[in-house]
Amino acid sequence: MSQRIFSLAALTVLELSPPDMVEVAARAGYSHVGLRLEPATAEEHHFPLVGDAGLRRQTAERLRDTGIKVLDIEILRLKPETRVDDFDALLAVGAGFGATELLVAGNDPDQARLTDNFATLCDLAAKYGIYPHLEFMPWTDCRNLTQAWDIVSAANRENACVLIDAFHFDRSASRLEDLRQIPASRMRYLQLCDVAGPRPDDMAEILRQARNERRFPGDGDCDLRGLLASVSPDMPLSLEIPTRQLLEQGVSALQRAQWALDKARSVLSPL
């Protein structure tokens, strides 16, 4: 049986530069990292890998020295005004780091146009051996698993995939029986975290939790065992667990990354 891939997601240690993130991942015991090549919000501090050749070189050197590999790159948003060809430079940088997976968000209320742009992105990414994964999030125009699968299947590209994030799966009220209907070839990695308490009525609060206050696997109320039992047993896991409160309490990025990995392994142990 092959060793399961654990990847440290950028959002877990967003304060770190990419070279420092690679170092923390290696020290904590991960095999992979995810690189945020495009910021998720205008407010977050961003390390501009695509535009900064020196930073790219430092990151590549740290990857080589530690043996850490890059699993995925993020985050491309498909908006009404998106020109997919504009993503070529980012995809080239990601491929240069060895990434094979790409995180995509749907921010276009016209589902037909969103589907067409996703298909076009798949064609562009295929040149680089990259698999775009459409991630559903309840506050976006791709709100749940059913809608994400409708778009991915309609795009009809061999490299078109769906990304399951345990937080969004829970907060969008997506269903395990629907997840089990999706072909294994259409999900090449999964984002793992936990979430506490009932689903808030306020979407702004769901968004705040998603970006700032998730729980380590097993510390919340998600059916993570059911989720993991519904996908391939060797599915690579990206640990995306922002814990702003711990950060503000002075808990180091290394400690948070180690807790995330230890807790994920504990959840997996009986599976």
C-alpha atoms as a PDB file:
ATOM      1  CA  MET A   1       0.000   0.000   0.000  1.00  0.00           C
ATOM      2  CA  SER A   2       1.405   3.381  -0.990  1.00  0.00           C
ATOM      3  CA  GLN A   3       2.093   6.056   1.589  1.00  0.00           C
ATOM      4  CA  ARG A   4      -0.785   8.528   1.793  1.00  0.00           C
ATOM      5  CA  ILE A   5       0.092  12.066   0.749  1.00  0.00           C
ATOM      6  CA  PHE A   6      -0.397  14.793   3.361  1.00  0.00           C
ATOM      7  CA  SER A   7      -0.036  18.312   2.016  1.00  0.00           C
ATOM      8  CA  LEU A   8       0.197  21.521   4.047  1.00  0.00           C
ATOM      9  CA  ALA A   9      -2.247  24.059   2.584  1.00  0.00           C
ATOM     10  CA  ALA A  10      -1.252  27.714   2.413  1.00  0.00           C
ATOM     11  CA  LEU A  11      -4.275  28.888   4.418  1.00  0.00           C
ATOM     12  CA  THR A  12      -3.138  26.899   7.463  1.00  0.00           C
ATOM     13  CA  VAL A  13       0.047  28.974   7.761  1.00  0.00           C
ATOM     14  CA  LEU A  14      -0.806  31.969   5.601  1.00  0.00           C
ATOM     15  CA  GLU A  15       1.627  34.251   7.451  1.00  0.00           C
ATOM     16  CA  LEU A  16       4.602  32.270   6.121  1.00  0.00           C
ATOM     17  CA  SER A  17       6.490  33.006   2.911  1.00  0.00           C
ATOM     18  CA  PRO A  18       6.555  30.043   0.508  1.00  0.00           C
ATOM     19  CA  PRO A  19      10.157  29.036   1.371  1.00  0.00           C
ATOM     20  CA  ASP A  20       9.358  29.158   5.104  1.00  0.00           C
ATOM     21  CA  MET A  21       6.174  27.198   4.516  1.00  0.00           C
ATOM     22  CA  VAL A  22       8.150  24.460   2.748  1.00  0.00           C
ATOM     23  CA  GLU A  23      10.568  24.362   5.692  1.00  0.00           C
ATOM     24  CA  VAL A  24       7.717  24.062   8.221  1.00  0.00           C
ATOM     25  CA  ALA A  25       6.058  21.315   6.173  1.00  0.00           C
ATOM     26  CA  ALA A  26       9.303  19.335   6.123  1.00  0.00           C
ATOM     27  CA  ARG A  27       9.899  19.740   9.856  1.00  0.00           C
ATOM     28  CA  ALA A  28       6.314  18.782  10.703  1.00  0.00           C
ATOM     29  CA  GLY A  29       6.399  15.603   8.610  1.00  0.00           C
ATOM     30  CA  TYR A  30       4.395  16.456   5.481  1.00  0.00           C
ATOM     31  CA  SER A  31       5.338  15.173   2.027  1.00  0.00           C
ATOM     32  CA  HIS A  32       3.766  18.034   0.034  1.00  0.00           C
ATOM     33  CA  VAL A  33       2.624  21.654   0.151  1.00  0.00           C
ATOM     34  CA  GLY A  34       0.076  23.730  -1.716  1.00  0.00           C
ATOM     35  CA  LEU A  35       1.238  27.069  -3.099  1.00  0.00           C
ATOM     36  CA  ARG A  36      -1.043  30.108  -3.210  1.00  0.00           C
ATOM     37  CA  LEU A  37      -0.012  31.783  -6.458  1.00  0.00           C
ATOM     38  CA  GLU A  38      -3.008  34.121  -6.500  1.00  0.00           C
ATOM     39  CA  PRO A  39      -4.479  35.619  -3.304  1.00  0.00           C
ATOM     40  CA  ALA A  40      -7.982  34.596  -2.261  1.00  0.00           C
ATOM     41  CA  THR A  41      -8.865  38.087  -1.037  1.00  0.00           C
ATOM     42  CA  ALA A  42      -7.596  41.615  -1.601  1.00  0.00           C
ATOM     43  CA  GLU A  43      -6.928  41.978   2.132  1.00  0.00           C
ATOM     44  CA  GLU A  44      -4.645  39.019   2.757  1.00  0.00           C
ATOM     45  CA  HIS A  45      -0.880  39.417   2.762  1.00  0.00           C
ATOM     46  CA  HIS A  46       0.375  37.837  -0.429  1.00  0.00           C
ATOM     47  CA  PHE A  47       3.787  36.573  -1.479  1.00  0.00           C
ATOM     48  CA  PRO A  48       3.895  37.170  -5.268  1.00  0.00           C
ATOM     49  CA  LEU A  49       5.555  34.003  -6.542  1.00  0.00           C
ATOM     50  CA  VAL A  50       4.385  34.485 -10.110  1.00  0.00           C
ATOM     51  CA  GLY A  51       5.960  37.931 -10.423  1.00  0.00           C
ATOM     52  CA  ASP A  52       9.010  37.529  -8.167  1.00  0.00           C
ATOM     53  CA  ALA A  53      11.788  35.467  -9.755  1.00  0.00           C
ATOM     54  CA  GLY A  54      13.933  35.652  -6.627  1.00  0.00           C
ATOM     55  CA  LEU A  55      11.161  34.273  -4.445  1.00  0.00           C
ATOM     56  CA  ARG A  56      10.528  31.499  -6.961  1.00  0.00           C
ATOM     57  CA  ARG A  57      14.210  30.585  -6.892  1.00  0.00           C
ATOM     58  CA  GLN A  58      14.308  30.523  -3.078  1.00  0.00           C
ATOM     59  CA  THR A  59      11.177  28.358  -2.994  1.00  0.00           C
ATOM     60  CA  ALA A  60      12.563  25.944  -5.575  1.00  0.00           C
ATOM     61  CA  GLU A  61      15.803  25.649  -3.611  1.00  0.00           C
ATOM     62  CA  ARG A  62      13.933  24.917  -0.374  1.00  0.00           C
ATOM     63  CA  LEU A  63      11.798  22.301  -2.129  1.00  0.00           C
ATOM     64  CA  ARG A  64      14.928  20.637  -3.504  1.00  0.00           C
ATOM     65  CA  ASP A  65      16.766  20.741  -0.167  1.00  0.00           C
ATOM     66  CA  THR A  66      13.868  19.309   1.848  1.00  0.00           C
ATOM     67  CA  GLY A  67      12.447  16.858  -0.680  1.00  0.00           C
ATOM     68  CA  ILE A  68       8.997  18.389  -0.258  1.00  0.00           C
ATOM     69  CA  LYS A  69       6.843  18.338  -3.407  1.00  0.00           C
ATOM     70  CA  VAL A  70       4.077  20.665  -4.558  1.00  0.00           C
ATOM     71  CA  LEU A  71       0.609  19.083  -4.763  1.00  0.00           C
ATOM     72  CA  ASP A  72      -1.637  21.960  -5.792  1.00  0.00           C
ATOM     73  CA  ILE A  73      -1.702  25.621  -6.729  1.00  0.00           C
ATOM     74  CA  GLU A  74      -4.438  28.127  -5.942  1.00  0.00           C
ATOM     75  CA  ILE A  75      -6.672  30.066  -6.329  1.00  0.00           C
ATOM     76  CA  LEU A  76      -8.100  30.910  -9.745  1.00  0.00           C
ATOM     77  CA  ARG A  77     -11.517  32.544  -9.825  1.00  0.00           C
ATOM     78  CA  LEU A  78     -13.784  32.216 -12.853  1.00  0.00           C
ATOM     79  CA  LYS A  79     -15.697  35.511 -13.025  1.00  0.00           C
ATOM     80  CA  PRO A  80     -17.983  36.997 -15.690  1.00  0.00           C
ATOM     81  CA  GLU A  81     -15.088  39.053 -17.069  1.00  0.00           C
ATOM     82  CA  THR A  82     -12.492  36.266 -16.904  1.00  0.00           C
ATOM     83  CA  ARG A  83     -10.188  35.730 -19.880  1.00  0.00           C
ATOM     84  CA  VAL A  84      -8.872  32.232 -19.363  1.00  0.00           C
ATOM     85  CA  ASP A  85      -5.738  32.848 -21.442  1.00  0.00           C
ATOM     86  CA  ASP A  86      -4.639  35.330 -18.766  1.00  0.00           C
ATOM     87  CA  PHE A  87      -4.009  32.338 -16.472  1.00  0.00           C
ATOM     88  CA  ASP A  88      -1.281  30.884 -18.686  1.00  0.00           C
ATOM     89  CA  ALA A  89       1.633  32.472 -16.807  1.00  0.00           C
ATOM     90  CA  LEU A  90       0.345  31.220 -13.450  1.00  0.00           C
ATOM     91  CA  LEU A  91      -0.114  27.697 -14.795  1.00  0.00           C
ATOM     92  CA  ALA A  92       3.415  27.765 -16.205  1.00  0.00           C
ATOM     93  CA  VAL A  93       4.826  28.740 -12.798  1.00  0.00           C
ATOM     94  CA  GLY A  94       2.791  26.027 -11.079  1.00  0.00           C
ATOM     95  CA  ALA A  95       3.965  23.411 -13.543  1.00  0.00           C
ATOM     96  CA  GLY A  96       7.533  24.584 -13.001  1.00  0.00           C
ATOM     97  CA  PHE A  97       7.142  23.714  -9.332  1.00  0.00           C
ATOM     98  CA  GLY A  98       5.753  20.292 -10.249  1.00  0.00           C
ATOM     99  CA  ALA A  99       2.145  20.944  -9.231  1.00  0.00           C
ATOM    100  CA  THR A 100      -0.439  18.640 -10.774  1.00  0.00           C
ATOM    101  CA  GLU A 101      -3.639  19.978  -9.180  1.00  0.00           C
ATOM    102  CA  LEU A 102      -5.288  23.407  -9.466  1.00  0.00           C
ATOM    103  CA  LEU A 103      -7.938  24.912  -7.191  1.00  0.00           C
ATOM    104  CA  VAL A 104     -10.668  26.853  -9.000  1.00  0.00           C
ATOM    105  CA  ALA A 105     -13.546  28.910  -7.583  1.00  0.00           C
ATOM    106  CA  GLY A 106     -16.761  29.668  -9.465  1.00  0.00           C
ATOM    107  CA  ASN A 107     -17.664  33.355  -9.165  1.00  0.00           C
ATOM    108  CA  ASP A 108     -20.011  33.715 -12.125  1.00  0.00           C
ATOM    109  CA  PRO A 109     -23.823  33.573 -11.756  1.00  0.00           C
ATOM    110  CA  ASP A 110     -24.174  32.501 -15.417  1.00  0.00           C
ATOM    111  CA  GLN A 111     -23.647  28.757 -15.053  1.00  0.00           C
ATOM    112  CA  ALA A 112     -23.379  28.159 -18.794  1.00  0.00           C
ATOM    113  CA  ARG A 113     -20.565  30.707 -19.099  1.00  0.00           C
ATOM    114  CA  LEU A 114     -18.929  29.351 -15.949  1.00  0.00           C
ATOM    115  CA  THR A 115     -19.022  25.853 -17.436  1.00  0.00           C
ATOM    116  CA  ASP A 116     -17.569  27.063 -20.745  1.00  0.00           C
ATOM    117  CA  ASN A 117     -14.764  28.922 -18.991  1.00  0.00           C
ATOM    118  CA  PHE A 118     -14.001  25.920 -16.801  1.00  0.00           C
ATOM    119  CA  ALA A 119     -13.767  23.724 -19.906  1.00  0.00           C
ATOM    120  CA  THR A 120     -11.450  26.266 -21.553  1.00  0.00           C
ATOM    121  CA  LEU A 121      -9.304  26.353 -18.421  1.00  0.00           C
ATOM    122  CA  CYS A 122      -9.104  22.555 -18.480  1.00  0.00           C
ATOM    123  CA  ASP A 123      -7.836  22.717 -22.067  1.00  0.00           C
ATOM    124  CA  LEU A 124      -5.211  25.304 -21.128  1.00  0.00           C
ATOM    125  CA  ALA A 125      -4.133  23.366 -18.024  1.00  0.00           C
ATOM    126  CA  ALA A 126      -3.839  20.122 -19.989  1.00  0.00           C
ATOM    127  CA  LYS A 127      -0.771  21.548 -21.733  1.00  0.00           C
ATOM    128  CA  TYR A 128       0.932  21.551 -18.351  1.00  0.00           C
ATOM    129  CA  GLY A 129      -0.365  18.204 -17.071  1.00  0.00           C
ATOM    130  CA  ILE A 130      -2.520  20.018 -14.501  1.00  0.00           C
ATOM    131  CA  TYR A 131      -5.991  18.957 -13.321  1.00  0.00           C
ATOM    132  CA  PRO A 132      -8.356  21.860 -12.477  1.00  0.00           C
ATOM    133  CA  HIS A 133     -10.579  21.140  -9.464  1.00  0.00           C
ATOM    134  CA  LEU A 134     -13.759  23.177  -9.097  1.00  0.00           C
ATOM    135  CA  GLU A 135     -14.262  23.849  -5.398  1.00  0.00           C
ATOM    136  CA  PHE A 136     -17.809  24.518  -4.263  1.00  0.00           C
ATOM    137  CA  MET A 137     -18.263  27.037  -1.433  1.00  0.00           C
ATOM    138  CA  PRO A 138     -21.720  28.046  -0.185  1.00  0.00           C
ATOM    139  CA  TRP A 139     -21.163  31.807  -0.652  1.00  0.00           C
ATOM    140  CA  THR A 140     -19.964  31.504  -4.274  1.00  0.00           C
ATOM    141  CA  ASP A 141     -21.889  30.852  -7.480  1.00  0.00           C
ATOM    142  CA  CYS A 142     -20.903  27.204  -7.183  1.00  0.00           C
ATOM    143  CA  ARG A 143     -22.598  26.505  -3.885  1.00  0.00           C
ATOM    144  CA  ASN A 144     -22.643  22.745  -3.263  1.00  0.00           C
ATOM    145  CA  LEU A 145     -21.485  19.362  -4.492  1.00  0.00           C
ATOM    146  CA  THR A 146     -24.447  18.800  -6.811  1.00  0.00           C
ATOM    147  CA  GLN A 147     -23.898  22.073  -8.650  1.00  0.00           C
ATOM    148  CA  ALA A 148     -20.118  21.547  -8.850  1.00  0.00           C
ATOM    149  CA  TRP A 149     -20.598  18.090 -10.351  1.00  0.00           C
ATOM    150  CA  ASP A 150     -23.133  19.463 -12.859  1.00  0.00           C
ATOM    151  CA  ILE A 151     -20.529  21.965 -14.070  1.00  0.00           C
ATOM    152  CA  VAL A 152     -17.599  19.537 -14.101  1.00  0.00           C
ATOM    153  CA  SER A 153     -19.533  16.819 -15.923  1.00  0.00           C
ATOM    154  CA  ALA A 154     -20.950  19.315 -18.438  1.00  0.00           C
ATOM    155  CA  ALA A 155     -17.443  20.649 -19.131  1.00  0.00           C
ATOM    156  CA  ASN A 156     -16.673  17.135 -20.374  1.00  0.00           C
ATOM    157  CA  ARG A 157     -12.885  17.293 -20.141  1.00  0.00           C
ATOM    158  CA  GLU A 158     -10.689  14.388 -19.058  1.00  0.00           C
ATOM    159  CA  ASN A 159      -8.814  16.547 -16.547  1.00  0.00           C
ATOM    160  CA  ALA A 160     -11.922  18.217 -15.058  1.00  0.00           C
ATOM    161  CA  CYS A 161     -12.301  17.464 -11.337  1.00  0.00           C
ATOM    162  CA  VAL A 162     -14.307  18.404  -8.252  1.00  0.00           C
ATOM    163  CA  LEU A 163     -12.602  19.481  -5.029  1.00  0.00           C
ATOM    164  CA  ILE A 164     -14.193  18.393  -1.761  1.00  0.00           C
ATOM    165  CA  ASP A 165     -13.357  20.573   1.238  1.00  0.00           C
ATOM    166  CA  ALA A 166     -14.746  19.091   4.454  1.00  0.00           C
ATOM    167  CA  PHE A 167     -15.761  22.545   5.700  1.00  0.00           C
ATOM    168  CA  HIS A 168     -17.745  23.438   2.572  1.00  0.00           C
ATOM    169  CA  PHE A 169     -19.185  19.931   2.334  1.00  0.00           C
ATOM    170  CA  ASP A 170     -20.649  20.385   5.815  1.00  0.00           C
ATOM    171  CA  ARG A 171     -21.733  24.013   5.522  1.00  0.00           C
ATOM    172  CA  SER A 172     -23.365  23.498   2.102  1.00  0.00           C
ATOM    173  CA  ALA A 173     -25.371  20.504   3.381  1.00  0.00           C
ATOM    174  CA  SER A 174     -23.925  18.310   0.631  1.00  0.00           C
ATOM    175  CA  ARG A 175     -24.638  14.589   0.973  1.00  0.00           C
ATOM    176  CA  LEU A 176     -22.407  11.540   1.194  1.00  0.00           C
ATOM    177  CA  GLU A 177     -24.745   9.555  -1.078  1.00  0.00           C
ATOM    178  CA  ASP A 178     -24.156  12.139  -3.823  1.00  0.00           C
ATOM    179  CA  LEU A 179     -20.405  12.061  -3.231  1.00  0.00           C
ATOM    180  CA  ARG A 180     -20.354   8.294  -3.701  1.00  0.00           C
ATOM    181  CA  GLN A 181     -21.819   8.687  -7.201  1.00  0.00           C
ATOM    182  CA  ILE A 182     -18.856  10.726  -8.480  1.00  0.00           C
ATOM    183  CA  PRO A 183     -16.187   8.686 -10.304  1.00  0.00           C
ATOM    184  CA  ALA A 184     -12.949   8.373  -8.354  1.00  0.00           C
ATOM    185  CA  SER A 185     -11.030   9.745 -11.357  1.00  0.00           C
ATOM    186  CA  ARG A 186     -12.805  13.094 -10.886  1.00  0.00           C
ATOM    187  CA  MET A 187     -11.394  13.725  -7.396  1.00  0.00           C
ATOM    188  CA  ARG A 188      -7.614  13.657  -7.136  1.00  0.00           C
ATOM    189  CA  TYR A 189      -7.236  15.286  -3.703  1.00  0.00           C
ATOM    190  CA  LEU A 190      -9.395  16.423  -0.781  1.00  0.00           C
ATOM    191  CA  GLN A 191      -9.118  19.311   1.682  1.00  0.00           C
ATOM    192  CA  LEU A 192      -9.461  18.118   5.261  1.00  0.00           C
ATOM    193  CA  CYS A 193     -10.434  20.060   8.374  1.00  0.00           C
ATOM    194  CA  ASP A 194     -13.228  19.970  10.928  1.00  0.00           C
ATOM    195  CA  VAL A 195     -15.926  22.463  11.886  1.00  0.00           C
ATOM    196  CA  ALA A 196     -17.738  22.969  15.159  1.00  0.00           C
ATOM    197  CA  GLY A 197     -21.383  23.493  15.884  1.00  0.00           C
ATOM    198  CA  PRO A 198     -24.532  23.751  13.786  1.00  0.00           C
ATOM    199  CA  ARG A 199     -24.597  25.521  10.445  1.00  0.00           C
ATOM    200  CA  PRO A 200     -25.004  29.296  10.985  1.00  0.00           C
ATOM    201  CA  ASP A 201     -27.949  31.039   9.324  1.00  0.00           C
ATOM    202  CA  ASP A 202     -25.710  33.986   8.447  1.00  0.00           C
ATOM    203  CA  MET A 203     -23.540  33.454   5.349  1.00  0.00           C
ATOM    204  CA  ALA A 204     -21.079  36.095   6.558  1.00  0.00           C
ATOM    205  CA  GLU A 205     -20.471  33.994   9.664  1.00  0.00           C
ATOM    206  CA  ILE A 206     -19.935  30.866   7.554  1.00  0.00           C
ATOM    207  CA  LEU A 207     -17.394  32.791   5.489  1.00  0.00           C
ATOM    208  CA  ARG A 208     -15.647  34.085   8.628  1.00  0.00           C
ATOM    209  CA  GLN A 209     -15.348  30.567  10.023  1.00  0.00           C
ATOM    210  CA  ALA A 210     -14.051  29.241   6.700  1.00  0.00           C
ATOM    211  CA  ARG A 211     -11.246  31.769   6.480  1.00  0.00           C
ATOM    212  CA  ASN A 212     -10.360  32.142  10.150  1.00  0.00           C
ATOM    213  CA  GLU A 213     -11.648  29.493  12.532  1.00  0.00           C
ATOM    214  CA  ARG A 214     -11.700  25.889  11.466  1.00  0.00           C
ATOM    215  CA  ARG A 215     -10.982  22.962  13.757  1.00  0.00           C
ATOM    216  CA  PHE A 216      -8.342  20.284  13.514  1.00  0.00           C
ATOM    217  CA  PRO A 217      -9.667  16.917  12.289  1.00  0.00           C
ATOM    218  CA  GLY A 218     -11.584  15.161  15.051  1.00  0.00           C
ATOM    219  CA  ASP A 219     -12.050  18.338  17.110  1.00  0.00           C
ATOM    220  CA  GLY A 220     -15.363  19.315  15.533  1.00  0.00           C
ATOM    221  CA  ASP A 221     -18.683  17.881  14.413  1.00  0.00           C
ATOM    222  CA  CYS A 222     -18.093  16.832  10.786  1.00  0.00           C
ATOM    223  CA  ASP A 223     -18.575  13.198   9.808  1.00  0.00           C
ATOM    224  CA  LEU A 224     -14.980  12.972   8.612  1.00  0.00           C
ATOM    225  CA  ARG A 225     -14.910   9.196   8.804  1.00  0.00           C
ATOM    226  CA  GLY A 226     -17.965   8.999   6.562  1.00  0.00           C
ATOM    227  CA  LEU A 227     -16.436  11.506   4.181  1.00  0.00           C
ATOM    228  CA  LEU A 228     -13.109   9.690   3.941  1.00  0.00           C
ATOM    229  CA  ALA A 229     -14.841   6.322   3.566  1.00  0.00           C
ATOM    230  CA  SER A 230     -16.719   7.715   0.549  1.00  0.00           C
ATOM    231  CA  VAL A 231     -13.609   8.531  -1.519  1.00  0.00           C
ATOM    232  CA  SER A 232     -10.554   6.580  -2.655  1.00  0.00           C
ATOM    233  CA  PRO A 233      -8.650   5.130   0.326  1.00  0.00           C
ATOM    234  CA  ASP A 234      -5.375   6.629  -0.857  1.00  0.00           C
ATOM    235  CA  MET A 235      -6.800  10.092  -1.614  1.00  0.00           C
ATOM    236  CA  PRO A 236      -4.138  12.803  -1.060  1.00  0.00           C
ATOM    237  CA  LEU A 237      -5.192  15.081   1.784  1.00  0.00           C
ATOM    238  CA  SER A 238      -4.512  18.803   1.851  1.00  0.00           C
ATOM    239  CA  LEU A 239      -4.797  20.031   5.444  1.00  0.00           C
ATOM    240  CA  GLU A 240      -6.444  23.453   5.179  1.00  0.00           C
ATOM    241  CA  ILE A 241      -7.098  24.570   8.737  1.00  0.00           C
ATOM    242  CA  PRO A 242      -6.878  28.304   9.462  1.00  0.00           C
ATOM    243  CA  THR A 243      -6.908  28.907  13.228  1.00  0.00           C
ATOM    244  CA  ARG A 244      -6.594  32.648  13.677  1.00  0.00           C
ATOM    245  CA  GLN A 245      -7.212  32.449  17.406  1.00  0.00           C
ATOM    246  CA  LEU A 246      -4.205  30.168  17.904  1.00  0.00           C
ATOM    247  CA  LEU A 247      -2.102  32.436  15.691  1.00  0.00           C
ATOM    248  CA  GLU A 248      -3.062  35.471  17.766  1.00  0.00           C
ATOM    249  CA  GLN A 249      -2.242  33.523  20.943  1.00  0.00           C
ATOM    250  CA  GLY A 250       1.279  33.078  19.628  1.00  0.00           C
ATOM    251  CA  VAL A 251       1.109  29.406  18.678  1.00  0.00           C
ATOM    252  CA  SER A 252       3.804  28.899  16.028  1.00  0.00           C
ATOM    253  CA  ALA A 253       3.125  27.874  12.450  1.00  0.00           C
ATOM    254  CA  LEU A 254       5.177  24.732  13.045  1.00  0.00           C
ATOM    255  CA  GLN A 255       3.092  23.748  16.068  1.00  0.00           C
ATOM    256  CA  ARG A 256      -0.184  24.354  14.226  1.00  0.00           C
ATOM    257  CA  ALA A 257       1.035  22.371  11.212  1.00  0.00           C
ATOM    258  CA  GLN A 258       2.091  19.501  13.481  1.00  0.00           C
ATOM    259  CA  TRP A 259      -1.230  19.474  15.317  1.00  0.00           C
ATOM    260  CA  ALA A 260      -3.081  19.400  11.996  1.00  0.00           C
ATOM    261  CA  LEU A 261      -1.070  16.413  10.789  1.00  0.00           C
ATOM    262  CA  ASP A 262      -1.268  14.510  14.075  1.00  0.00           C
ATOM    263  CA  LYS A 263      -5.046  15.015  14.274  1.00  0.00           C
ATOM    264  CA  ALA A 264      -5.539  13.979  10.635  1.00  0.00           C
ATOM    265  CA  ARG A 265      -3.616  10.768  11.225  1.00  0.00           C
ATOM    266  CA  SER A 266      -5.716  10.062  14.316  1.00  0.00           C
ATOM    267  CA  VAL A 267      -8.940  10.409  12.336  1.00  0.00           C
ATOM    268  CA  LEU A 268      -7.572   8.046   9.691  1.00  0.00           C
ATOM    269  CA  SER A 269      -6.251   5.397  12.064  1.00  0.00           C
ATOM    270  CA  PRO A 270      -9.310   3.102  12.093  1.00  0.00           C
ATOM    271  CA  LEU A 271     -10.048   3.495   8.369  1.00  0.00           C
END
